[in-house]
N, C-alpha and C. Protein backbone atom coordinates (compact mmCIF):
# COMPACT_ATOMS: atom_id res chain seq x y z
N MET A 1 89.77 -385.05 47.74
CA MET A 1 90.61 -384.52 46.71
C MET A 1 90.87 -385.37 45.54
N GLU A 2 90.95 -384.71 44.41
CA GLU A 2 90.80 -385.49 43.14
C GLU A 2 92.09 -385.24 42.36
N ILE A 3 92.75 -386.22 41.76
CA ILE A 3 93.86 -385.97 40.80
C ILE A 3 93.35 -385.84 39.37
N ARG A 4 93.72 -384.85 38.73
CA ARG A 4 93.34 -384.59 37.35
C ARG A 4 94.69 -384.29 36.41
N SER A 5 94.46 -384.48 35.20
CA SER A 5 95.48 -384.17 34.21
C SER A 5 95.53 -382.66 33.99
N ILE A 6 96.78 -382.17 33.66
CA ILE A 6 96.84 -380.83 33.33
C ILE A 6 96.53 -380.84 31.87
N THR A 7 95.72 -379.75 31.44
CA THR A 7 95.30 -379.56 30.11
C THR A 7 95.33 -378.10 29.71
N LYS A 8 95.11 -377.75 28.48
CA LYS A 8 94.96 -376.39 28.08
C LYS A 8 93.90 -375.72 28.84
N ASN A 9 92.72 -376.46 29.20
CA ASN A 9 91.63 -375.81 29.87
C ASN A 9 91.97 -375.38 31.28
N ASN A 10 92.80 -376.35 32.09
CA ASN A 10 93.07 -375.84 33.50
C ASN A 10 94.53 -375.27 33.60
N PHE A 11 95.04 -375.05 32.50
CA PHE A 11 96.51 -374.39 32.43
C PHE A 11 96.44 -373.00 33.10
N PRO A 12 95.46 -372.12 33.05
CA PRO A 12 95.51 -370.87 33.69
C PRO A 12 95.67 -371.04 35.27
N GLU A 13 95.12 -372.08 35.81
CA GLU A 13 95.35 -372.52 37.27
C GLU A 13 96.81 -372.77 37.52
N VAL A 14 97.35 -373.59 36.57
CA VAL A 14 98.75 -373.93 36.70
C VAL A 14 99.71 -372.64 36.74
N VAL A 15 99.48 -371.85 35.93
CA VAL A 15 100.09 -370.58 35.87
C VAL A 15 100.05 -369.67 37.17
N GLU A 16 98.71 -369.64 37.65
CA GLU A 16 98.57 -368.91 38.92
C GLU A 16 99.38 -369.55 40.04
N ILE A 17 99.33 -370.86 40.15
CA ILE A 17 100.24 -371.41 41.20
C ILE A 17 101.61 -371.37 40.96
N TYR A 18 102.21 -371.30 39.58
CA TYR A 18 103.55 -371.10 39.26
C TYR A 18 103.92 -369.63 39.61
N LYS A 19 102.96 -368.61 39.45
CA LYS A 19 103.24 -367.23 39.74
C LYS A 19 103.48 -367.04 41.25
N GLN A 20 102.68 -367.80 42.11
CA GLN A 20 102.87 -367.83 43.58
C GLN A 20 104.27 -368.38 43.82
N GLY A 21 104.71 -369.56 43.12
CA GLY A 21 106.04 -369.91 43.35
C GLY A 21 107.15 -368.89 42.93
N LEU A 22 106.93 -368.04 41.82
CA LEU A 22 107.89 -367.22 41.34
C LEU A 22 107.94 -366.07 42.47
N ALA A 23 107.02 -365.75 43.11
CA ALA A 23 107.00 -364.64 44.20
C ALA A 23 107.84 -364.86 45.43
N THR A 24 108.13 -366.29 45.55
CA THR A 24 108.98 -366.63 46.69
C THR A 24 110.49 -366.49 46.36
N ASN A 25 110.91 -366.32 45.15
CA ASN A 25 112.28 -366.15 44.73
C ASN A 25 113.17 -367.32 45.17
N ILE A 26 112.51 -368.40 45.47
CA ILE A 26 113.34 -369.66 45.71
C ILE A 26 112.76 -370.92 44.98
N ALA A 27 111.92 -370.79 44.01
CA ALA A 27 111.31 -371.72 43.37
C ALA A 27 111.83 -372.13 41.98
N THR A 28 112.15 -371.14 41.21
CA THR A 28 112.88 -371.24 39.97
C THR A 28 113.59 -370.07 39.55
N PHE A 29 114.49 -370.27 38.53
CA PHE A 29 115.26 -369.09 37.83
C PHE A 29 114.29 -368.33 37.00
N GLN A 30 113.33 -368.81 36.62
CA GLN A 30 112.43 -368.22 35.63
C GLN A 30 111.79 -366.86 36.20
N ASN A 31 111.48 -365.97 35.54
CA ASN A 31 110.75 -364.82 35.98
C ASN A 31 109.59 -364.55 35.23
N ASP A 32 109.26 -365.30 34.06
CA ASP A 32 108.20 -364.94 33.22
C ASP A 32 107.28 -366.14 33.33
N LEU A 33 105.90 -365.79 33.06
CA LEU A 33 104.88 -366.78 33.21
C LEU A 33 104.75 -367.55 31.79
N PRO A 34 104.77 -368.83 31.63
CA PRO A 34 104.61 -369.55 30.50
C PRO A 34 103.40 -369.37 29.76
N GLU A 35 103.41 -369.61 28.47
CA GLU A 35 102.20 -369.59 27.51
C GLU A 35 101.97 -371.23 27.46
N TRP A 36 100.77 -371.68 27.15
CA TRP A 36 100.49 -372.85 26.97
C TRP A 36 101.20 -373.60 25.93
N GLU A 37 101.54 -373.07 24.80
CA GLU A 37 102.17 -373.72 23.83
C GLU A 37 103.57 -374.05 24.07
N ASP A 38 104.20 -373.09 24.76
CA ASP A 38 105.72 -373.25 25.06
C ASP A 38 105.68 -374.39 26.24
N TRP A 39 104.78 -374.16 27.13
CA TRP A 39 104.80 -375.25 28.34
C TRP A 39 104.54 -376.65 27.79
N ASP A 40 103.61 -376.77 26.88
CA ASP A 40 103.18 -378.14 26.38
C ASP A 40 104.31 -378.66 25.51
N LYS A 41 105.12 -377.82 24.79
CA LYS A 41 106.29 -378.53 24.06
C LYS A 41 107.44 -378.86 24.89
N ALA A 42 107.53 -378.07 25.97
CA ALA A 42 108.72 -378.47 26.93
C ALA A 42 108.42 -379.57 27.82
N HIS A 43 107.21 -380.00 28.16
CA HIS A 43 107.02 -380.94 29.15
C HIS A 43 106.57 -382.35 28.39
N LEU A 44 106.85 -383.51 29.10
CA LEU A 44 106.37 -384.81 28.66
C LEU A 44 104.96 -384.80 28.55
N ASP A 45 104.36 -385.44 27.62
CA ASP A 45 102.94 -385.58 27.51
C ASP A 45 102.19 -386.46 28.50
N PHE A 46 103.00 -387.14 29.29
CA PHE A 46 102.46 -387.86 30.49
C PHE A 46 102.95 -387.12 31.73
N CYS A 47 102.43 -387.69 32.88
CA CYS A 47 102.71 -387.08 34.06
C CYS A 47 102.53 -385.56 34.15
N ARG A 48 101.50 -385.14 33.84
CA ARG A 48 101.02 -383.77 33.88
C ARG A 48 99.78 -383.93 34.96
N ILE A 49 100.20 -383.71 36.14
CA ILE A 49 99.33 -383.99 37.25
C ILE A 49 98.91 -382.80 38.17
N SER A 50 97.75 -382.66 38.45
CA SER A 50 97.25 -381.56 39.40
C SER A 50 96.39 -382.27 40.34
N ILE A 51 96.20 -381.56 41.47
CA ILE A 51 95.28 -381.99 42.59
C ILE A 51 94.35 -380.93 42.90
N TYR A 52 93.17 -381.37 42.98
CA TYR A 52 92.01 -380.50 43.36
C TYR A 52 91.40 -380.84 44.69
N ASP A 53 90.76 -379.68 45.41
CA ASP A 53 89.86 -379.89 46.42
C ASP A 53 88.65 -379.26 46.05
N ASN A 54 87.65 -379.90 45.65
CA ASN A 54 86.37 -379.53 44.92
C ASN A 54 86.81 -378.94 43.68
N ASP A 55 86.59 -377.57 43.35
CA ASP A 55 87.14 -377.08 42.01
C ASP A 55 88.24 -376.10 42.14
N THR A 56 89.09 -376.30 43.23
CA THR A 56 90.14 -375.49 43.42
C THR A 56 91.40 -376.35 43.24
N MET A 57 92.25 -375.88 42.30
CA MET A 57 93.57 -376.63 42.14
C MET A 57 94.38 -376.06 43.43
N LEU A 58 95.14 -377.20 43.98
CA LEU A 58 96.00 -376.95 45.02
C LEU A 58 97.51 -377.15 44.72
N GLY A 59 97.72 -377.78 43.63
CA GLY A 59 99.22 -377.91 43.25
C GLY A 59 99.12 -378.73 41.88
N TRP A 60 100.34 -378.83 41.40
CA TRP A 60 100.64 -379.50 40.13
C TRP A 60 102.06 -379.96 40.22
N THR A 61 102.28 -380.95 39.37
CA THR A 61 103.54 -381.60 39.02
C THR A 61 103.71 -382.15 37.63
N SER A 62 104.93 -381.94 36.99
CA SER A 62 105.11 -382.47 35.67
C SER A 62 106.61 -382.63 35.47
N LEU A 63 106.90 -383.12 34.26
CA LEU A 63 108.17 -383.69 33.89
C LEU A 63 108.81 -383.14 32.62
N THR A 64 110.01 -382.74 32.64
CA THR A 64 110.65 -382.26 31.33
C THR A 64 111.73 -383.25 31.11
N PRO A 65 112.04 -383.64 29.79
CA PRO A 65 113.07 -384.49 29.35
C PRO A 65 114.43 -383.77 29.90
N VAL A 66 115.44 -384.54 30.12
CA VAL A 66 116.73 -383.91 30.54
C VAL A 66 117.73 -383.89 29.29
N SER A 67 117.32 -384.65 28.24
CA SER A 67 118.18 -384.74 27.17
C SER A 67 117.35 -385.21 25.98
N SER A 68 117.75 -384.88 24.65
CA SER A 68 117.04 -385.59 23.50
C SER A 68 117.84 -386.85 23.20
N ARG A 69 118.91 -387.17 23.75
CA ARG A 69 119.53 -388.34 23.41
C ARG A 69 118.90 -389.62 23.96
N CYS A 70 118.76 -390.74 23.09
CA CYS A 70 117.98 -391.90 23.44
C CYS A 70 118.47 -392.49 24.65
N VAL A 71 119.68 -392.38 25.15
CA VAL A 71 120.37 -393.04 26.41
C VAL A 71 119.69 -392.56 27.64
N TYR A 72 119.11 -391.18 27.42
CA TYR A 72 118.54 -390.62 28.61
C TYR A 72 116.96 -390.51 28.66
N ALA A 73 116.37 -391.36 27.79
CA ALA A 73 114.96 -391.52 27.54
C ALA A 73 114.31 -391.72 28.82
N GLY A 74 114.78 -392.38 29.78
CA GLY A 74 114.12 -392.68 31.12
C GLY A 74 114.52 -391.82 32.21
N VAL A 75 115.04 -390.61 31.88
CA VAL A 75 115.58 -389.65 33.02
C VAL A 75 114.76 -388.26 32.74
N ALA A 76 114.15 -387.79 33.77
CA ALA A 76 113.26 -386.67 33.71
C ALA A 76 113.53 -385.71 34.76
N GLU A 77 113.36 -384.37 34.63
CA GLU A 77 113.29 -383.39 35.56
C GLU A 77 111.99 -383.06 36.17
N VAL A 78 111.97 -382.90 37.46
CA VAL A 78 110.70 -382.70 38.14
C VAL A 78 110.39 -381.29 38.35
N SER A 79 109.18 -380.89 38.18
CA SER A 79 108.64 -379.61 38.63
C SER A 79 107.47 -380.00 39.60
N VAL A 80 107.47 -379.49 40.81
CA VAL A 80 106.31 -379.57 41.65
C VAL A 80 106.10 -378.20 42.31
N TYR A 81 104.66 -377.86 42.23
CA TYR A 81 104.35 -376.50 42.76
C TYR A 81 103.03 -376.65 43.60
N VAL A 82 103.05 -376.07 44.75
CA VAL A 82 101.78 -376.08 45.57
C VAL A 82 101.35 -374.69 45.83
N ALA A 83 100.04 -374.54 45.83
CA ALA A 83 99.45 -373.20 46.03
C ALA A 83 99.85 -372.65 47.34
N GLN A 84 100.06 -371.34 47.50
CA GLN A 84 100.38 -370.68 48.58
C GLN A 84 99.43 -371.24 49.88
N ASP A 85 98.13 -371.07 49.77
CA ASP A 85 97.24 -371.50 50.75
C ASP A 85 97.30 -372.89 51.12
N ALA A 86 97.93 -373.91 50.34
CA ALA A 86 97.86 -375.25 50.61
C ALA A 86 99.24 -375.85 51.06
N ARG A 87 100.34 -374.89 51.10
CA ARG A 87 101.53 -375.44 51.50
C ARG A 87 101.55 -375.85 52.99
N GLY A 88 102.35 -376.95 53.28
CA GLY A 88 102.45 -377.29 54.57
C GLY A 88 101.35 -378.33 54.96
N LYS A 89 100.64 -378.73 54.11
CA LYS A 89 99.42 -379.75 54.39
C LYS A 89 99.52 -381.01 53.60
N GLY A 90 100.69 -381.42 53.16
CA GLY A 90 100.85 -382.76 52.47
C GLY A 90 100.60 -382.84 50.97
N ILE A 91 100.25 -381.70 50.45
CA ILE A 91 99.80 -381.80 49.07
C ILE A 91 101.06 -382.07 48.25
N GLY A 92 101.98 -381.53 48.48
CA GLY A 92 103.43 -381.79 47.68
C GLY A 92 103.81 -383.35 47.71
N LYS A 93 103.64 -383.94 48.84
CA LYS A 93 103.84 -385.40 48.95
C LYS A 93 102.99 -386.17 48.19
N ILE A 94 101.71 -385.83 48.20
CA ILE A 94 100.73 -386.57 47.44
C ILE A 94 101.05 -386.45 45.94
N LEU A 95 101.33 -385.27 45.52
CA LEU A 95 101.61 -384.98 44.18
C LEU A 95 102.94 -385.77 43.73
N LEU A 96 104.06 -385.67 44.47
CA LEU A 96 105.17 -386.11 44.15
C LEU A 96 105.07 -387.72 44.06
N ASN A 97 104.34 -388.31 44.96
CA ASN A 97 104.35 -389.89 45.12
C ASN A 97 103.31 -390.18 43.90
N GLU A 98 102.44 -389.56 43.38
CA GLU A 98 101.79 -389.85 42.26
C GLU A 98 102.40 -389.81 41.15
N LEU A 99 103.31 -388.71 40.91
CA LEU A 99 104.26 -388.51 39.81
C LEU A 99 105.28 -389.68 39.76
N ILE A 100 105.72 -390.18 40.87
CA ILE A 100 106.62 -391.31 40.86
C ILE A 100 106.02 -392.50 40.30
N THR A 101 104.69 -392.93 40.71
CA THR A 101 103.99 -393.95 40.28
C THR A 101 103.72 -393.92 38.75
N HIS A 102 103.27 -392.66 38.29
CA HIS A 102 103.05 -392.50 36.83
C HIS A 102 104.18 -392.51 36.12
N SER A 103 105.31 -391.93 36.44
CA SER A 103 106.58 -391.92 35.74
C SER A 103 107.07 -393.34 35.41
N GLU A 104 107.10 -394.11 36.54
CA GLU A 104 107.52 -395.60 36.36
C GLU A 104 106.65 -396.32 35.44
N GLU A 105 105.32 -396.11 35.44
CA GLU A 105 104.43 -396.71 34.56
C GLU A 105 104.80 -396.23 33.03
N ASN A 106 105.53 -395.21 33.03
CA ASN A 106 105.86 -394.70 31.58
C ASN A 106 107.22 -394.74 31.25
N GLY A 107 108.00 -395.72 32.07
CA GLY A 107 109.35 -396.02 31.71
C GLY A 107 110.43 -395.04 32.15
N ILE A 108 110.02 -394.12 33.17
CA ILE A 108 111.09 -393.27 33.65
C ILE A 108 111.90 -393.88 34.74
N TRP A 109 113.11 -394.19 34.63
CA TRP A 109 113.88 -394.82 35.83
C TRP A 109 114.54 -393.87 36.66
N THR A 110 114.81 -392.62 36.29
CA THR A 110 115.37 -391.70 37.11
C THR A 110 114.66 -390.31 37.20
N LEU A 111 114.43 -389.73 38.29
CA LEU A 111 113.80 -388.36 38.32
C LEU A 111 114.87 -387.66 39.04
N GLN A 112 115.08 -386.32 38.50
CA GLN A 112 115.98 -385.43 39.09
C GLN A 112 115.39 -384.06 39.37
N SER A 113 115.95 -383.33 40.43
CA SER A 113 115.57 -382.19 40.70
C SER A 113 116.59 -381.23 41.08
N GLY A 114 116.61 -380.04 40.63
CA GLY A 114 117.60 -378.98 40.92
C GLY A 114 116.79 -377.93 41.83
N ILE A 115 117.31 -377.86 42.97
CA ILE A 115 116.43 -377.10 44.13
C ILE A 115 117.23 -376.00 44.63
N PHE A 116 116.68 -374.73 44.68
CA PHE A 116 117.58 -373.77 45.44
C PHE A 116 117.87 -374.25 46.78
N ALA A 117 119.18 -374.02 47.30
CA ALA A 117 119.65 -374.54 48.49
C ALA A 117 118.73 -374.02 49.69
N GLU A 118 118.22 -372.84 49.55
CA GLU A 118 117.41 -372.17 50.60
C GLU A 118 116.08 -372.59 50.72
N ASN A 119 115.68 -373.50 49.85
CA ASN A 119 114.32 -374.01 49.57
C ASN A 119 114.15 -375.41 50.41
N GLU A 120 114.35 -375.23 51.82
CA GLU A 120 114.21 -376.33 52.55
C GLU A 120 113.08 -377.20 52.55
N ALA A 121 112.00 -376.40 52.39
CA ALA A 121 110.72 -377.30 52.22
C ALA A 121 110.65 -378.34 51.08
N SER A 122 111.08 -377.85 49.99
CA SER A 122 111.32 -378.61 48.76
C SER A 122 112.21 -379.78 48.88
N ILE A 123 113.43 -379.43 49.54
CA ILE A 123 114.44 -380.43 49.62
C ILE A 123 113.93 -381.43 50.66
N ASN A 124 113.31 -381.13 51.84
CA ASN A 124 112.65 -382.09 52.65
C ASN A 124 111.53 -382.86 52.05
N LEU A 125 110.69 -382.28 51.11
CA LEU A 125 109.73 -383.06 50.46
C LEU A 125 110.34 -384.20 49.71
N HIS A 126 111.27 -383.66 48.87
CA HIS A 126 111.88 -384.76 48.00
C HIS A 126 112.51 -385.82 48.92
N LYS A 127 113.18 -385.60 49.94
CA LYS A 127 113.67 -386.53 50.81
C LYS A 127 112.64 -387.58 51.32
N LYS A 128 111.60 -386.98 51.64
CA LYS A 128 110.41 -387.87 52.12
C LYS A 128 109.87 -388.83 51.03
N CYS A 129 110.14 -388.40 49.85
CA CYS A 129 109.75 -389.27 48.82
C CYS A 129 110.73 -389.96 48.10
N GLY A 130 111.85 -390.26 48.79
CA GLY A 130 112.93 -391.28 48.55
C GLY A 130 113.96 -390.63 47.50
N PHE A 131 114.02 -389.32 47.33
CA PHE A 131 115.14 -388.66 46.57
C PHE A 131 116.36 -388.51 47.50
N ARG A 132 117.47 -388.72 46.83
CA ARG A 132 118.80 -388.50 47.72
C ARG A 132 119.69 -387.33 47.07
N LEU A 133 120.33 -386.68 48.10
CA LEU A 133 121.27 -385.64 47.45
C LEU A 133 122.31 -386.18 46.72
N VAL A 134 122.58 -385.72 45.51
CA VAL A 134 123.75 -386.12 44.62
C VAL A 134 124.71 -385.14 44.32
N GLY A 135 124.40 -383.93 44.76
CA GLY A 135 125.22 -382.76 44.39
C GLY A 135 124.86 -381.41 44.93
N PHE A 136 125.82 -380.46 44.62
CA PHE A 136 125.60 -379.18 45.04
C PHE A 136 126.26 -378.28 44.11
N ARG A 137 125.51 -377.35 43.38
CA ARG A 137 126.27 -376.52 42.29
C ARG A 137 126.16 -375.14 42.87
N GLU A 138 127.41 -374.59 43.21
CA GLU A 138 127.54 -373.23 43.83
C GLU A 138 127.39 -372.20 42.87
N LYS A 139 126.57 -371.19 43.11
CA LYS A 139 126.41 -370.04 42.29
C LYS A 139 126.19 -370.56 40.78
N ILE A 140 125.09 -371.30 40.67
CA ILE A 140 125.01 -371.81 39.30
C ILE A 140 124.36 -370.90 38.35
N GLY A 141 123.63 -369.90 38.90
CA GLY A 141 122.93 -368.90 38.09
C GLY A 141 122.40 -367.73 39.05
N LYS A 142 121.94 -366.75 38.50
CA LYS A 142 121.51 -365.52 39.14
C LYS A 142 119.86 -365.48 39.02
N LYS A 143 119.28 -365.09 40.06
CA LYS A 143 117.92 -364.82 40.23
C LYS A 143 117.81 -363.58 40.69
N ASN A 144 117.27 -362.56 39.77
CA ASN A 144 117.09 -361.18 40.21
C ASN A 144 118.46 -360.51 40.75
N GLY A 145 119.49 -360.76 39.94
CA GLY A 145 120.79 -360.36 40.20
C GLY A 145 121.49 -360.95 41.42
N VAL A 146 121.06 -361.95 42.07
CA VAL A 146 121.69 -362.55 43.22
C VAL A 146 121.99 -364.04 42.84
N TRP A 147 123.19 -364.33 42.96
CA TRP A 147 123.69 -365.71 42.73
C TRP A 147 122.97 -366.84 43.56
N LYS A 148 122.68 -367.84 42.99
CA LYS A 148 121.93 -368.93 43.72
C LYS A 148 122.68 -370.21 43.70
N ASP A 149 122.59 -370.90 44.72
CA ASP A 149 123.19 -372.34 44.78
C ASP A 149 122.15 -373.27 44.49
N ASN A 150 122.42 -374.42 44.03
CA ASN A 150 121.51 -375.39 43.54
C ASN A 150 121.82 -376.85 44.22
N VAL A 151 120.86 -377.38 44.92
CA VAL A 151 120.99 -378.71 45.38
C VAL A 151 120.37 -379.76 44.37
N LEU A 152 121.31 -380.70 43.95
CA LEU A 152 120.65 -381.79 42.96
C LEU A 152 120.30 -382.84 43.71
N MET A 153 119.07 -383.44 43.39
CA MET A 153 118.60 -384.55 44.10
C MET A 153 118.08 -385.44 42.94
N GLU A 154 117.99 -386.72 43.30
CA GLU A 154 117.57 -387.79 42.29
C GLU A 154 116.93 -388.82 42.97
N ARG A 155 116.00 -389.61 42.25
CA ARG A 155 115.33 -390.74 42.69
C ARG A 155 115.44 -391.80 41.67
N ARG A 156 116.16 -392.91 42.01
CA ARG A 156 116.28 -394.10 41.00
C ARG A 156 115.31 -395.10 41.30
N SER A 157 114.51 -395.45 40.28
CA SER A 157 113.33 -396.34 40.44
C SER A 157 113.91 -397.75 40.97
N LYS A 158 113.18 -398.35 41.86
CA LYS A 158 113.63 -399.63 42.16
C LYS A 158 112.88 -400.87 41.48
N ASN A 159 112.05 -400.33 40.56
CA ASN A 159 111.10 -401.19 39.57
C ASN A 159 111.53 -401.19 38.24
N ILE A 160 112.33 -400.15 37.79
CA ILE A 160 112.76 -400.17 36.26
C ILE A 160 114.19 -400.40 36.12
N GLY A 161 114.61 -401.17 35.26
CA GLY A 161 116.10 -401.38 34.89
C GLY A 161 116.91 -402.30 35.82
N ILE A 162 116.05 -403.00 36.66
CA ILE A 162 116.85 -403.92 37.68
C ILE A 162 117.03 -405.16 36.94
N ASP A 163 118.25 -405.50 36.78
CA ASP A 163 118.50 -406.69 35.90
C ASP A 163 119.33 -407.73 36.86
């Protein structure tokens, strides 16, 4: 397996895996597939990580800032998606651990995730990678007309900001 950066060139593969996540109805509130320009603007320019087996992308992860305020410069929201055929094989754990390492190298001290309550696989993945449950948001938004609850998880770096 090989870790590669997400670029405009491999972005169609990112979109395909994202599309598979959309089909589950438990991965995101979004219903539309992103265009490169919008995705590129929304995500931090580091921690754009994908994993390949030969020339097949198996999954990807990235970060978005939680705020434009300088006090939150070290806090980012996690996205992690695994291709349908690669789920349950440890790919998510490899990606999330790689993201943690790269995020700390780039000054991120807190990673956070909002996960649909019924997405037990994602919740368990985050727990395995050192995230903890910090909250629960009941009926925070609708997905295809159905109210969804959101579990809030975070991981605080043990390497950054320790005084």
